[in-house]
Amino acid sequence: TAEQLHTALARCGDDALEKRVAAAYPGYPGRKAALRM
């Protein structure tokens, strides 16, 4: 889920990481895009 991914990516130490990765998954934080991510 987007909530779980936010927690996981925030812990990777890069504040811009979630924004960078999300841009590669059109439709995020929607369910299908979050599942693929």
PDB file of all heavy atoms in Angstrom:
ATOM      1  N   THR A   1       0.853  -1.183   0.000  1.00  0.00           N
ATOM      2  CA  THR A   1       0.000   0.000   0.000  1.00  0.00           C
ATOM      3  C   THR A   1       0.892   1.238   0.000  1.00  0.00           C
ATOM      4  O   THR A   1       2.078   1.183   0.382  1.00  0.00           O
ATOM      5  CB  THR A   1      -0.908   0.044   1.238  1.00  0.00           C
ATOM      6  OG1 THR A   1      -0.095   0.236   2.410  1.00  0.00           O
ATOM      7  CG2 THR A   1      -1.707  -1.248   1.378  1.00  0.00           C
ATOM      8  N   ALA A   2       0.318   2.363  -0.395  1.00  0.00           N
ATOM      9  CA  ALA A   2       1.082   3.608  -0.404  1.00  0.00           C
ATOM     10  C   ALA A   2       1.577   3.956   0.995  1.00  0.00           C
ATOM     11  O   ALA A   2       2.690   4.468   1.165  1.00  0.00           O
ATOM     12  CB  ALA A   2       0.228   4.731  -0.976  1.00  0.00           C
ATOM     13  N   GLU A   3       0.758   3.668   2.006  1.00  0.00           N
ATOM     14  CA  GLU A   3       1.165   3.978   3.382  1.00  0.00           C
ATOM     15  C   GLU A   3       2.384   3.150   3.784  1.00  0.00           C
ATOM     16  O   GLU A   3       3.351   3.666   4.359  1.00  0.00           O
ATOM     17  CB  GLU A   3       0.003   3.697   4.343  1.00  0.00           C
ATOM     18  CG  GLU A   3       0.326   4.019   5.794  1.00  0.00           C
ATOM     19  CD  GLU A   3      -0.834   3.704   6.728  1.00  0.00           C
ATOM     20  OE1 GLU A   3      -1.833   3.105   6.260  1.00  0.00           O
ATOM     21  OE2 GLU A   3      -0.734   4.059   7.911  1.00  0.00           O
ATOM     22  N   GLN A   4       2.361   1.846   3.495  1.00  0.00           N
ATOM     23  CA  GLN A   4       3.492   0.993   3.829  1.00  0.00           C
ATOM     24  C   GLN A   4       4.741   1.394   3.041  1.00  0.00           C
ATOM     25  O   GLN A   4       5.855   1.404   3.574  1.00  0.00           O
ATOM     26  CB  GLN A   4       3.145  -0.468   3.540  1.00  0.00           C
ATOM     27  CG  GLN A   4       2.112  -1.068   4.474  1.00  0.00           C
ATOM     28  CD  GLN A   4       1.687  -2.453   4.013  1.00  0.00           C
ATOM     29  OE1 GLN A   4       1.467  -2.701   2.829  1.00  0.00           O
ATOM     30  NE2 GLN A   4       1.581  -3.372   4.955  1.00  0.00           N
ATOM     31  N   LEU A   5       4.548   1.718   1.759  1.00  0.00           N
ATOM     32  CA  LEU A   5       5.684   2.116   0.937  1.00  0.00           C
ATOM     33  C   LEU A   5       6.285   3.431   1.418  1.00  0.00           C
ATOM     34  O   LEU A   5       7.514   3.607   1.411  1.00  0.00           O
ATOM     35  CB  LEU A   5       5.255   2.222  -0.524  1.00  0.00           C
ATOM     36  CG  LEU A   5       5.084   0.875  -1.233  1.00  0.00           C
ATOM     37  CD1 LEU A   5       4.231   1.020  -2.486  1.00  0.00           C
ATOM     38  CD2 LEU A   5       6.445   0.273  -1.584  1.00  0.00           C
ATOM     39  N   HIS A   6       5.442   4.336   1.862  1.00  0.00           N
ATOM     40  CA  HIS A   6       5.952   5.597   2.410  1.00  0.00           C
ATOM     41  C   HIS A   6       6.862   5.322   3.605  1.00  0.00           C
ATOM     42  O   HIS A   6       7.961   5.895   3.721  1.00  0.00           O
ATOM     43  CB  HIS A   6       4.786   6.499   2.817  1.00  0.00           C
ATOM     44  CG  HIS A   6       5.218   7.732   3.547  1.00  0.00           C
ATOM     45  ND1 HIS A   6       5.822   8.797   2.919  1.00  0.00           N
ATOM     46  CD2 HIS A   6       5.162   8.044   4.873  1.00  0.00           C
ATOM     47  CE1 HIS A   6       6.120   9.724   3.819  1.00  0.00           C
ATOM     48  NE2 HIS A   6       5.722   9.293   5.005  1.00  0.00           N
ATOM     49  N   THR A   7       6.420   4.424   4.495  1.00  0.00           N
ATOM     50  CA  THR A   7       7.229   4.083   5.668  1.00  0.00           C
ATOM     51  C   THR A   7       8.546   3.436   5.254  1.00  0.00           C
ATOM     52  O   THR A   7       9.618   3.789   5.766  1.00  0.00           O
ATOM     53  CB  THR A   7       6.445   3.132   6.590  1.00  0.00           C
ATOM     54  OG1 THR A   7       5.233   3.762   6.999  1.00  0.00           O
ATOM     55  CG2 THR A   7       7.261   2.754   7.818  1.00  0.00           C
ATOM     56  N   ALA A   8       8.472   2.494   4.313  1.00  0.00           N
ATOM     57  CA  ALA A   8       9.677   1.782   3.886  1.00  0.00           C
ATOM     58  C   ALA A   8      10.663   2.722   3.206  1.00  0.00           C
ATOM     59  O   ALA A   8      11.876   2.700   3.498  1.00  0.00           O
ATOM     60  CB  ALA A   8       9.292   0.636   2.948  1.00  0.00           C
ATOM     61  N   LEU A   9      10.175   3.548   2.307  1.00  0.00           N
ATOM     62  CA  LEU A   9      11.070   4.417   1.550  1.00  0.00           C
ATOM     63  C   LEU A   9      11.627   5.542   2.412  1.00  0.00           C
ATOM     64  O   LEU A   9      12.778   5.957   2.235  1.00  0.00           O
ATOM     65  CB  LEU A   9      10.343   4.984   0.333  1.00  0.00           C
ATOM     66  CG  LEU A   9       9.941   3.935  -0.722  1.00  0.00           C
ATOM     67  CD1 LEU A   9       9.107   4.569  -1.828  1.00  0.00           C
ATOM     68  CD2 LEU A   9      11.165   3.248  -1.301  1.00  0.00           C
ATOM     69  N   ALA A  10      10.842   6.009   3.356  1.00  0.00           N
ATOM     70  CA  ALA A  10      11.337   7.055   4.255  1.00  0.00           C
ATOM     71  C   ALA A  10      12.519   6.550   5.067  1.00  0.00           C
ATOM     72  O   ALA A  10      13.441   7.318   5.398  1.00  0.00           O
ATOM     73  CB  ALA A  10      10.221   7.524   5.180  1.00  0.00           C
ATOM     74  N   ARG A  11      12.510   5.274   5.376  1.00  0.00           N
ATOM     75  CA  ARG A  11      13.600   4.696   6.171  1.00  0.00           C
ATOM     76  C   ARG A  11      14.858   4.428   5.357  1.00  0.00           C
ATOM     77  O   ARG A  11      15.899   4.070   5.910  1.00  0.00           O
ATOM     78  CB  ARG A  11      13.132   3.406   6.835  1.00  0.00           C
ATOM     79  CG  ARG A  11      12.057   3.611   7.895  1.00  0.00           C
ATOM     80  CD  ARG A  11      11.640   2.305   8.543  1.00  0.00           C
ATOM     81  NE  ARG A  11      12.786   1.616   9.105  1.00  0.00           N
ATOM     82  CZ  ARG A  11      13.274   0.472   8.649  1.00  0.00           C
ATOM     83  NH1 ARG A  11      12.718  -0.123   7.599  1.00  0.00           N
ATOM     84  NH2 ARG A  11      14.318  -0.090   9.208  1.00  0.00           N
ATOM     85  N   CYS A  12      14.781   4.581   4.036  1.00  0.00           N
ATOM     86  CA  CYS A  12      15.960   4.359   3.197  1.00  0.00           C
ATOM     87  C   CYS A  12      16.927   5.534   3.247  1.00  0.00           C
ATOM     88  O   CYS A  12      18.003   5.465   2.658  1.00  0.00           O
ATOM     89  CB  CYS A  12      15.539   4.085   1.753  1.00  0.00           C
ATOM     90  SG  CYS A  12      14.750   2.486   1.528  1.00  0.00           S
ATOM     91  N   GLY A  13      16.543   6.632   3.889  1.00  0.00           N
ATOM     92  CA  GLY A  13      17.473   7.712   4.153  1.00  0.00           C
ATOM     93  C   GLY A  13      17.527   8.800   3.108  1.00  0.00           C
ATOM     94  O   GLY A  13      18.378   9.688   3.175  1.00  0.00           O
ATOM     95  N   ASP A  14      16.641   8.776   2.120  1.00  0.00           N
ATOM     96  CA  ASP A  14      16.645   9.792   1.073  1.00  0.00           C
ATOM     97  C   ASP A  14      15.273  10.447   1.053  1.00  0.00           C
ATOM     98  O   ASP A  14      14.285   9.820   0.669  1.00  0.00           O
ATOM     99  CB  ASP A  14      16.960   9.136  -0.280  1.00  0.00           C
ATOM    100  CG  ASP A  14      17.032  10.135  -1.423  1.00  0.00           C
ATOM    101  OD1 ASP A  14      16.675  11.311  -1.234  1.00  0.00           O
ATOM    102  OD2 ASP A  14      17.438   9.725  -2.515  1.00  0.00           O
ATOM    103  N   ASP A  15      15.193  11.708   1.459  1.00  0.00           N
ATOM    104  CA  ASP A  15      13.906  12.394   1.562  1.00  0.00           C
ATOM    105  C   ASP A  15      13.207  12.517   0.212  1.00  0.00           C
ATOM    106  O   ASP A  15      11.974  12.573   0.146  1.00  0.00           O
ATOM    107  CB  ASP A  15      14.091  13.794   2.165  1.00  0.00           C
ATOM    108  CG  ASP A  15      14.519  13.738   3.617  1.00  0.00           C
ATOM    109  OD1 ASP A  15      14.295  12.691   4.255  1.00  0.00           O
ATOM    110  OD2 ASP A  15      15.090  14.729   4.110  1.00  0.00           O
ATOM    111  N   ALA A  16      13.988  12.551  -0.864  1.00  0.00           N
ATOM    112  CA  ALA A  16      13.390  12.717  -2.190  1.00  0.00           C
ATOM    113  C   ALA A  16      13.087  11.383  -2.865  1.00  0.00           C
ATOM    114  O   ALA A  16      12.555  11.362  -3.983  1.00  0.00           O
ATOM    115  CB  ALA A  16      14.334  13.534  -3.080  1.00  0.00           C
ATOM    116  N   LEU A  17      13.410  10.277  -2.188  1.00  0.00           N
ATOM    117  CA  LEU A  17      13.314   8.978  -2.850  1.00  0.00           C
ATOM    118  C   LEU A  17      11.886   8.636  -3.256  1.00  0.00           C
ATOM    119  O   LEU A  17      11.638   8.219  -4.397  1.00  0.00           O
ATOM    120  CB  LEU A  17      13.870   7.885  -1.930  1.00  0.00           C
ATOM    121  CG  LEU A  17      13.761   6.455  -2.459  1.00  0.00           C
ATOM    122  CD1 LEU A  17      14.534   6.296  -3.756  1.00  0.00           C
ATOM    123  CD2 LEU A  17      14.276   5.468  -1.416  1.00  0.00           C
ATOM    124  N   GLU A  18      10.938   8.788  -2.345  1.00  0.00           N
ATOM    125  CA  GLU A  18       9.569   8.394  -2.674  1.00  0.00           C
ATOM    126  C   GLU A  18       9.046   9.193  -3.869  1.00  0.00           C
ATOM    127  O   GLU A  18       8.401   8.632  -4.767  1.00  0.00           O
ATOM    128  CB  GLU A  18       8.643   8.582  -1.477  1.00  0.00           C
ATOM    129  CG  GLU A  18       7.221   8.084  -1.762  1.00  0.00           C
ATOM    130  CD  GLU A  18       6.316   8.171  -0.543  1.00  0.00           C
ATOM    131  OE1 GLU A  18       6.743   8.739   0.480  1.00  0.00           O
ATOM    132  OE2 GLU A  18       5.177   7.678  -0.627  1.00  0.00           O
ATOM    133  N   LYS A  19       9.340  10.466  -3.914  1.00  0.00           N
ATOM    134  CA  LYS A  19       8.889  11.294  -5.035  1.00  0.00           C
ATOM    135  C   LYS A  19       9.524  10.822  -6.342  1.00  0.00           C
ATOM    136  O   LYS A  19       8.853  10.733  -7.378  1.00  0.00           O
ATOM    137  CB  LYS A  19       9.233  12.749  -4.766  1.00  0.00           C
ATOM    138  CG  LYS A  19       8.724  13.712  -5.829  1.00  0.00           C
ATOM    139  CD  LYS A  19       9.021  15.151  -5.447  1.00  0.00           C
ATOM    140  CE  LYS A  19       8.509  16.107  -6.517  1.00  0.00           C
ATOM    141  NZ  LYS A  19       8.801  17.530  -6.162  1.00  0.00           N
ATOM    142  N   ARG A  20      10.809  10.505  -6.283  1.00  0.00           N
ATOM    143  CA  ARG A  20      11.515  10.038  -7.475  1.00  0.00           C
ATOM    144  C   ARG A  20      10.956   8.728  -7.986  1.00  0.00           C
ATOM    145  O   ARG A  20      10.702   8.555  -9.184  1.00  0.00           O
ATOM    146  CB  ARG A  20      13.003   9.896  -7.145  1.00  0.00           C
ATOM    147  CG  ARG A  20      13.880   9.525  -8.329  1.00  0.00           C
ATOM    148  CD  ARG A  20      15.325   9.394  -7.895  1.00  0.00           C
ATOM    149  NE  ARG A  20      15.645   8.050  -7.438  1.00  0.00           N
ATOM    150  CZ  ARG A  20      16.521   7.757  -6.481  1.00  0.00           C
ATOM    151  NH1 ARG A  20      17.128   8.728  -5.820  1.00  0.00           N
ATOM    152  NH2 ARG A  20      16.769   6.505  -6.156  1.00  0.00           N
ATOM    153  N   VAL A  21      10.759   7.771  -7.077  1.00  0.00           N
ATOM    154  CA  VAL A  21      10.252   6.465  -7.478  1.00  0.00           C
ATOM    155  C   VAL A  21       8.805   6.576  -7.934  1.00  0.00           C
ATOM    156  O   VAL A  21       8.411   5.986  -8.955  1.00  0.00           O
ATOM    157  CB  VAL A  21      10.393   5.449  -6.325  1.00  0.00           C
ATOM    158  CG1 VAL A  21       9.728   4.120  -6.683  1.00  0.00           C
ATOM    159  CG2 VAL A  21      11.869   5.212  -6.000  1.00  0.00           C
ATOM    160  N   ALA A  22       7.983   7.329  -7.211  1.00  0.00           N
ATOM    161  CA  ALA A  22       6.570   7.452  -7.555  1.00  0.00           C
ATOM    162  C   ALA A  22       6.378   7.997  -8.963  1.00  0.00           C
ATOM    163  O   ALA A  22       5.432   7.610  -9.666  1.00  0.00           O
ATOM    164  CB  ALA A  22       5.866   8.340  -6.541  1.00  0.00           C
ATOM    165  N   ALA A  23       7.280   8.860  -9.399  1.00  0.00           N
ATOM    166  CA  ALA A  23       7.160   9.436 -10.741  1.00  0.00           C
ATOM    167  C   ALA A  23       7.282   8.372 -11.831  1.00  0.00           C
ATOM    168  O   ALA A  23       6.795   8.564 -12.952  1.00  0.00           O
ATOM    169  CB  ALA A  23       8.220  10.508 -10.936  1.00  0.00           C
ATOM    170  N   ALA A  24       7.923   7.241 -11.508  1.00  0.00           N
ATOM    171  CA  ALA A  24       8.084   6.162 -12.480  1.00  0.00           C
ATOM    172  C   ALA A  24       6.891   5.208 -12.492  1.00  0.00           C
ATOM    173  O   ALA A  24       6.858   4.278 -13.311  1.00  0.00           O
ATOM    174  CB  ALA A  24       9.362   5.386 -12.183  1.00  0.00           C
ATOM    175  N   TYR A  25       5.917   5.427 -11.590  1.00  0.00           N
ATOM    176  CA  TYR A  25       4.754   4.545 -11.488  1.00  0.00           C
ATOM    177  C   TYR A  25       3.488   5.377 -11.665  1.00  0.00           C
ATOM    178  O   TYR A  25       2.891   5.827 -10.676  1.00  0.00           O
ATOM    179  CB  TYR A  25       4.743   3.822 -10.139  1.00  0.00           C
ATOM    180  CG  TYR A  25       5.844   2.790 -10.011  1.00  0.00           C
ATOM    181  CD1 TYR A  25       7.135   3.167  -9.649  1.00  0.00           C
ATOM    182  CD2 TYR A  25       5.602   1.451 -10.279  1.00  0.00           C
ATOM    183  CE1 TYR A  25       8.159   2.238  -9.544  1.00  0.00           C
ATOM    184  CE2 TYR A  25       6.622   0.505 -10.173  1.00  0.00           C
ATOM    185  CZ  TYR A  25       7.891   0.913  -9.813  1.00  0.00           C
ATOM    186  OH  TYR A  25       8.900  -0.023  -9.721  1.00  0.00           O
ATOM    187  N   PRO A  26       3.061   5.612 -12.908  1.00  0.00           N
ATOM    188  CA  PRO A  26       1.855   6.411 -13.145  1.00  0.00           C
ATOM    189  C   PRO A  26       0.661   5.851 -12.370  1.00  0.00           C
ATOM    190  O   PRO A  26       0.448   4.638 -12.329  1.00  0.00           O
ATOM    191  CB  PRO A  26       1.647   6.277 -14.653  1.00  0.00           C
ATOM    192  CG  PRO A  26       3.008   5.991 -15.203  1.00  0.00           C
ATOM    193  CD  PRO A  26       3.691   5.149 -14.150  1.00  0.00           C
ATOM    194  N   GLY A  27      -0.086   6.741 -11.748  1.00  0.00           N
ATOM    195  CA  GLY A  27      -1.243   6.324 -10.958  1.00  0.00           C
ATOM    196  C   GLY A  27      -0.968   6.199  -9.482  1.00  0.00           C
ATOM    197  O   GLY A  27      -1.904   6.050  -8.682  1.00  0.00           O
ATOM    198  N   TYR A  28       0.318   6.208  -9.061  1.00  0.00           N
ATOM    199  CA  TYR A  28       0.642   6.146  -7.635  1.00  0.00           C
ATOM    200  C   TYR A  28       0.167   7.429  -6.964  1.00  0.00           C
ATOM    201  O   TYR A  28       0.317   8.506  -7.532  1.00  0.00           O
ATOM    202  CB  TYR A  28       2.155   5.982  -7.458  1.00  0.00           C
ATOM    203  CG  TYR A  28       2.593   5.777  -6.038  1.00  0.00           C
ATOM    204  CD1 TYR A  28       2.514   4.514  -5.461  1.00  0.00           C
ATOM    205  CD2 TYR A  28       3.059   6.837  -5.267  1.00  0.00           C
ATOM    206  CE1 TYR A  28       2.910   4.315  -4.145  1.00  0.00           C
ATOM    207  CE2 TYR A  28       3.443   6.649  -3.952  1.00  0.00           C
ATOM    208  CZ  TYR A  28       3.361   5.382  -3.399  1.00  0.00           C
ATOM    209  OH  TYR A  28       3.749   5.186  -2.091  1.00  0.00           O
ATOM    210  N   PRO A  29      -0.449   7.372  -5.781  1.00  0.00           N
ATOM    211  CA  PRO A  29      -0.523   6.261  -4.831  1.00  0.00           C
ATOM    212  C   PRO A  29      -1.733   5.340  -4.981  1.00  0.00           C
ATOM    213  O   PRO A  29      -2.167   4.727  -3.992  1.00  0.00           O
ATOM    214  CB  PRO A  29      -0.563   6.984  -3.488  1.00  0.00           C
ATOM    215  CG  PRO A  29      -1.329   8.243  -3.785  1.00  0.00           C
ATOM    216  CD  PRO A  29      -0.951   8.631  -5.183  1.00  0.00           C
ATOM    217  N   GLY A  30      -2.274   5.219  -6.178  1.00  0.00           N
ATOM    218  CA  GLY A  30      -3.384   4.304  -6.388  1.00  0.00           C
ATOM    219  C   GLY A  30      -2.994   2.859  -6.133  1.00  0.00           C
ATOM    220  O   GLY A  30      -1.811   2.497  -6.134  1.00  0.00           O
ATOM    221  N   ARG A  31      -3.997   2.017  -5.936  1.00  0.00           N
ATOM    222  CA  ARG A  31      -3.766   0.634  -5.507  1.00  0.00           C
ATOM    223  C   ARG A  31      -2.901  -0.153  -6.483  1.00  0.00           C
ATOM    224  O   ARG A  31      -1.938  -0.820  -6.083  1.00  0.00           O
ATOM    225  CB  ARG A  31      -5.120  -0.060  -5.322  1.00  0.00           C
ATOM    226  CG  ARG A  31      -5.034  -1.548  -5.000  1.00  0.00           C
ATOM    227  CD  ARG A  31      -6.413  -2.157  -4.814  1.00  0.00           C
ATOM    228  NE  ARG A  31      -6.353  -3.605  -4.790  1.00  0.00           N
ATOM    229  CZ  ARG A  31      -6.374  -4.378  -5.866  1.00  0.00           C
ATOM    230  NH1 ARG A  31      -6.454  -3.816  -7.063  1.00  0.00           N
ATOM    231  NH2 ARG A  31      -6.318  -5.683  -5.768  1.00  0.00           N
ATOM    232  N   LYS A  32      -3.224  -0.094  -7.775  1.00  0.00           N
ATOM    233  CA  LYS A  32      -2.484  -0.911  -8.746  1.00  0.00           C
ATOM    234  C   LYS A  32      -1.034  -0.476  -8.849  1.00  0.00           C
ATOM    235  O   LYS A  32      -0.126  -1.305  -8.902  1.00  0.00           O
ATOM    236  CB  LYS A  32      -3.167  -0.845 -10.113  1.00  0.00           C
ATOM    237  CG  LYS A  32      -4.483  -1.602 -10.185  1.00  0.00           C
ATOM    238  CD  LYS A  32      -5.044  -1.608 -11.603  1.00  0.00           C
ATOM    239  CE  LYS A  32      -6.333  -2.414 -11.674  1.00  0.00           C
ATOM    240  NZ  LYS A  32      -6.895  -2.416 -13.065  1.00  0.00           N
ATOM    241  N   ALA A  33      -0.810   0.831  -8.877  1.00  0.00           N
ATOM    242  CA  ALA A  33       0.559   1.316  -8.956  1.00  0.00           C
ATOM    243  C   ALA A  33       1.340   0.972  -7.688  1.00  0.00           C
ATOM    244  O   ALA A  33       2.535   0.624  -7.750  1.00  0.00           O
ATOM    245  CB  ALA A  33       0.565   2.823  -9.190  1.00  0.00           C
ATOM    246  N   ALA A  34       0.691   1.050  -6.520  1.00  0.00           N
ATOM    247  CA  ALA A  34       1.366   0.709  -5.269  1.00  0.00           C
ATOM    248  C   ALA A  34       1.734  -0.770  -5.231  1.00  0.00           C
ATOM    249  O   ALA A  34       2.815  -1.139  -4.753  1.00  0.00           O
ATOM    250  CB  ALA A  34       0.480   1.068  -4.073  1.00  0.00           C
ATOM    251  N   LEU A  35       0.830  -1.616  -5.745  1.00  0.00           N
ATOM    252  CA  LEU A  35       1.136  -3.044  -5.792  1.00  0.00           C
ATOM    253  C   LEU A  35       2.367  -3.307  -6.656  1.00  0.00           C
ATOM    254  O   LEU A  35       3.259  -4.081  -6.286  1.00  0.00           O
ATOM    255  CB  LEU A  35      -0.059  -3.825  -6.340  1.00  0.00           C
ATOM    256  CG  LEU A  35      -1.169  -4.159  -5.354  1.00  0.00           C
ATOM    257  CD1 LEU A  35      -2.367  -4.755  -6.096  1.00  0.00           C
ATOM    258  CD2 LEU A  35      -0.681  -5.133  -4.293  1.00  0.00           C
ATOM    259  N   ARG A  36       2.405  -2.694  -7.838  1.00  0.00           N
ATOM    260  CA  ARG A  36       3.564  -2.892  -8.705  1.00  0.00           C
ATOM    261  C   ARG A  36       4.834  -2.354  -8.045  1.00  0.00           C
ATOM    262  O   ARG A  36       5.891  -2.984  -8.096  1.00  0.00           O
ATOM    263  CB  ARG A  36       3.319  -2.210 -10.054  1.00  0.00           C
ATOM    264  CG  ARG A  36       4.455  -2.364 -11.062  1.00  0.00           C
ATOM    265  CD  ARG A  36       4.666  -3.808 -11.498  1.00  0.00           C
ATOM    266  NE  ARG A  36       3.494  -4.362 -12.117  1.00  0.00           N
ATOM    267  CZ  ARG A  36       3.166  -4.211 -13.411  1.00  0.00           C
ATOM    268  NH1 ARG A  36       3.931  -3.484 -14.194  1.00  0.00           N
ATOM    269  NH2 ARG A  36       2.093  -4.786 -13.905  1.00  0.00           N
ATOM    270  N   MET A  37       4.733  -1.200  -7.419  1.00  0.00           N
ATOM    271  CA  MET A  37       5.900  -0.619  -6.764  1.00  0.00           C
ATOM    272  C   MET A  37       6.392  -1.516  -5.624  1.00  0.00           C
ATOM    273  O   MET A  37       7.595  -1.745  -5.458  1.00  0.00           O
ATOM    274  CB  MET A  37       5.581   0.777  -6.234  1.00  0.00           C
ATOM    275  CG  MET A  37       6.812   1.495  -5.690  1.00  0.00           C
ATOM    276  SD  MET A  37       6.412   3.026  -4.789  1.00  0.00           S
ATOM    277  CE  MET A  37       5.825   4.050  -6.133  1.00  0.00           C
TER     278      MET A  37
END
